[in-house]
Amino acid sequence: MVSILKINAGSGGRLLADYAGLATDTAPTDDDCLNGSTFYEIDTGTTYHFDEENDTWYDETGTART
């Protein structure tokens, strides 16, 4: 289950959010998820950042979350 830890209002009412969940959870990629949002895998300790242009989550080394 994915949880929203923090929400910051972005432009146009869209959300810059910090999410947390397990590595087996599906990270959100809906239209409200802004570039720079984070997803933290609580079981692996890996943090991903959302790339809105490519609709993809990347870790700090640039590896895409699968």
N, C-alpha and C. Protein backbone atom coordinates (compact mmCIF):
# COMPACT_ATOMS: atom_id res chain seq x y z
N MET A 1 0.84 -1.17 0.00
CA MET A 1 0.00 0.00 0.00
C MET A 1 0.89 1.24 0.00
N VAL A 2 0.63 2.14 -0.91
CA VAL A 2 1.38 3.39 -1.00
C VAL A 2 0.73 4.43 -0.11
N SER A 3 1.55 5.14 0.66
CA SER A 3 1.06 6.21 1.54
C SER A 3 1.65 7.53 1.09
N ILE A 4 0.88 8.59 1.21
CA ILE A 4 1.37 9.94 0.94
C ILE A 4 1.88 10.50 2.27
N LEU A 5 3.16 10.86 2.30
CA LEU A 5 3.75 11.37 3.52
C LEU A 5 3.64 12.88 3.64
N LYS A 6 3.70 13.57 2.52
CA LYS A 6 3.69 15.04 2.52
C LYS A 6 3.21 15.52 1.16
N ILE A 7 2.41 16.56 1.16
CA ILE A 7 1.93 17.14 -0.09
C ILE A 7 2.24 18.63 -0.10
N ASN A 8 2.81 19.09 -1.19
CA ASN A 8 3.05 20.51 -1.41
C ASN A 8 2.27 20.92 -2.66
N ALA A 9 1.54 22.01 -2.57
CA ALA A 9 0.76 22.47 -3.71
C ALA A 9 1.68 22.99 -4.80
N GLY A 10 1.49 22.51 -5.99
CA GLY A 10 2.23 22.99 -7.14
C GLY A 10 1.37 23.93 -7.94
N SER A 11 1.79 24.25 -9.13
CA SER A 11 1.02 25.15 -9.98
C SER A 11 -0.24 24.47 -10.49
N GLY A 12 -1.29 25.21 -10.59
CA GLY A 12 -2.53 24.69 -11.14
C GLY A 12 -3.21 23.64 -10.28
N GLY A 13 -2.89 23.59 -8.99
CA GLY A 13 -3.52 22.62 -8.10
C GLY A 13 -2.94 21.23 -8.17
N ARG A 14 -1.87 21.05 -8.91
CA ARG A 14 -1.23 19.74 -9.02
C ARG A 14 -0.35 19.51 -7.79
N LEU A 15 0.03 18.27 -7.54
CA LEU A 15 0.69 17.90 -6.30
C LEU A 15 2.15 17.52 -6.46
N LEU A 16 3.00 18.12 -5.64
CA LEU A 16 4.38 17.68 -5.47
C LEU A 16 4.34 16.93 -4.15
N ALA A 17 4.51 15.61 -4.19
CA ALA A 17 4.27 14.81 -3.00
C ALA A 17 5.43 13.88 -2.70
N ASP A 18 5.51 13.47 -1.44
CA ASP A 18 6.44 12.45 -0.99
C ASP A 18 5.61 11.21 -0.68
N TYR A 19 5.90 10.12 -1.41
CA TYR A 19 5.17 8.87 -1.24
C TYR A 19 6.09 7.84 -0.60
N ALA A 20 5.50 6.83 0.04
CA ALA A 20 6.26 5.72 0.60
C ALA A 20 5.48 4.44 0.38
N GLY A 21 6.21 3.37 0.11
CA GLY A 21 5.57 2.07 -0.08
C GLY A 21 6.63 0.99 -0.18
N LEU A 22 6.20 -0.20 -0.47
CA LEU A 22 7.11 -1.33 -0.63
C LEU A 22 7.62 -1.39 -2.07
N ALA A 23 8.72 -2.10 -2.27
CA ALA A 23 9.28 -2.25 -3.61
C ALA A 23 8.28 -2.93 -4.55
N THR A 24 7.38 -3.72 -4.01
CA THR A 24 6.38 -4.42 -4.83
C THR A 24 5.16 -3.56 -5.16
N ASP A 25 5.05 -2.38 -4.53
CA ASP A 25 3.92 -1.48 -4.79
C ASP A 25 4.12 -0.72 -6.10
N THR A 26 3.02 -0.33 -6.71
CA THR A 26 3.05 0.50 -7.91
C THR A 26 3.09 1.96 -7.50
N ALA A 27 4.15 2.66 -7.90
CA ALA A 27 4.25 4.09 -7.58
C ALA A 27 3.28 4.87 -8.46
N PRO A 28 2.69 5.93 -7.93
CA PRO A 28 1.72 6.70 -8.70
C PRO A 28 2.37 7.41 -9.90
N THR A 29 1.65 7.48 -10.99
CA THR A 29 2.10 8.22 -12.18
C THR A 29 0.93 8.96 -12.81
N ASP A 30 -0.06 9.30 -12.01
CA ASP A 30 -1.24 9.97 -12.56
C ASP A 30 -0.91 11.40 -12.97
N ASP A 31 -1.87 12.06 -13.56
CA ASP A 31 -1.67 13.41 -14.08
C ASP A 31 -1.39 14.44 -13.00
N ASP A 32 -1.70 14.12 -11.74
CA ASP A 32 -1.47 15.06 -10.64
C ASP A 32 -0.07 14.95 -10.05
N CYS A 33 0.69 13.94 -10.43
CA CYS A 33 2.03 13.73 -9.88
C CYS A 33 3.03 14.62 -10.62
N LEU A 34 3.66 15.54 -9.89
CA LEU A 34 4.57 16.52 -10.50
C LEU A 34 6.01 16.04 -10.57
N ASN A 35 6.72 16.59 -11.51
CA ASN A 35 8.16 16.39 -11.64
C ASN A 35 8.83 16.71 -10.30
N GLY A 36 9.67 15.80 -9.81
CA GLY A 36 10.37 16.02 -8.56
C GLY A 36 9.72 15.38 -7.35
N SER A 37 8.51 14.82 -7.50
CA SER A 37 7.91 14.08 -6.39
C SER A 37 8.83 12.91 -6.04
N THR A 38 8.75 12.43 -4.80
CA THR A 38 9.61 11.33 -4.37
C THR A 38 8.80 10.11 -3.97
N PHE A 39 9.40 8.93 -4.17
CA PHE A 39 8.83 7.66 -3.72
C PHE A 39 9.92 6.92 -2.97
N TYR A 40 9.67 6.63 -1.70
CA TYR A 40 10.63 5.95 -0.84
C TYR A 40 10.17 4.52 -0.61
N GLU A 41 11.03 3.56 -0.98
CA GLU A 41 10.74 2.15 -0.73
C GLU A 41 11.17 1.82 0.70
N ILE A 42 10.21 1.59 1.57
CA ILE A 42 10.53 1.40 2.98
C ILE A 42 11.24 0.09 3.26
N ASP A 43 11.12 -0.90 2.36
CA ASP A 43 11.78 -2.18 2.60
C ASP A 43 13.19 -2.24 2.02
N THR A 44 13.54 -1.34 1.08
CA THR A 44 14.88 -1.34 0.49
C THR A 44 15.69 -0.10 0.86
N GLY A 45 14.99 0.96 1.30
CA GLY A 45 15.67 2.21 1.63
C GLY A 45 16.02 3.06 0.42
N THR A 46 15.51 2.70 -0.74
CA THR A 46 15.80 3.43 -1.98
C THR A 46 14.78 4.54 -2.19
N THR A 47 15.29 5.72 -2.57
CA THR A 47 14.42 6.86 -2.88
C THR A 47 14.44 7.11 -4.38
N TYR A 48 13.27 7.31 -4.96
CA TYR A 48 13.13 7.59 -6.38
C TYR A 48 12.52 8.98 -6.56
N HIS A 49 12.87 9.62 -7.67
CA HIS A 49 12.34 10.94 -8.03
C HIS A 49 11.58 10.81 -9.34
N PHE A 50 10.44 11.48 -9.42
CA PHE A 50 9.58 11.36 -10.59
C PHE A 50 10.03 12.29 -11.71
N ASP A 51 10.18 11.74 -12.91
CA ASP A 51 10.49 12.49 -14.12
C ASP A 51 9.19 12.58 -14.92
N GLU A 52 8.54 13.72 -14.82
CA GLU A 52 7.22 13.90 -15.43
C GLU A 52 7.27 13.76 -16.95
N GLU A 53 8.32 14.26 -17.58
CA GLU A 53 8.43 14.22 -19.04
C GLU A 53 8.43 12.78 -19.56
N ASN A 54 9.11 11.89 -18.84
CA ASN A 54 9.20 10.49 -19.27
C ASN A 54 8.26 9.57 -18.49
N ASP A 55 7.48 10.14 -17.56
CA ASP A 55 6.52 9.38 -16.76
C ASP A 55 7.20 8.18 -16.08
N THR A 56 8.38 8.46 -15.48
CA THR A 56 9.21 7.40 -14.92
C THR A 56 9.81 7.86 -13.59
N TRP A 57 9.99 6.91 -12.67
CA TRP A 57 10.66 7.13 -11.39
C TRP A 57 12.11 6.70 -11.53
N TYR A 58 13.06 7.54 -11.11
CA TYR A 58 14.49 7.23 -11.17
C TYR A 58 15.12 7.34 -9.79
N ASP A 59 16.07 6.42 -9.50
CA ASP A 59 16.81 6.55 -8.25
C ASP A 59 17.94 7.54 -8.43
N GLU A 60 18.75 7.70 -7.39
CA GLU A 60 19.81 8.72 -7.42
C GLU A 60 20.93 8.41 -8.41
N THR A 61 21.01 7.15 -8.87
CA THR A 61 22.03 6.81 -9.87
C THR A 61 21.49 6.91 -11.29
N GLY A 62 20.20 7.25 -11.42
CA GLY A 62 19.59 7.37 -12.75
C GLY A 62 18.96 6.08 -13.25
N THR A 63 18.88 5.08 -12.38
CA THR A 63 18.25 3.81 -12.76
C THR A 63 16.75 3.92 -12.59
N ALA A 64 16.02 3.51 -13.63
CA ALA A 64 14.56 3.58 -13.59
C ALA A 64 13.98 2.52 -12.68
N ARG A 65 12.92 2.88 -11.98
CA ARG A 65 12.21 1.92 -11.13
C ARG A 65 11.37 1.04 -12.02
N THR A 66 11.47 -0.26 -11.84
CA THR A 66 10.70 -1.18 -12.68
C THR A 66 9.57 -1.83 -11.92
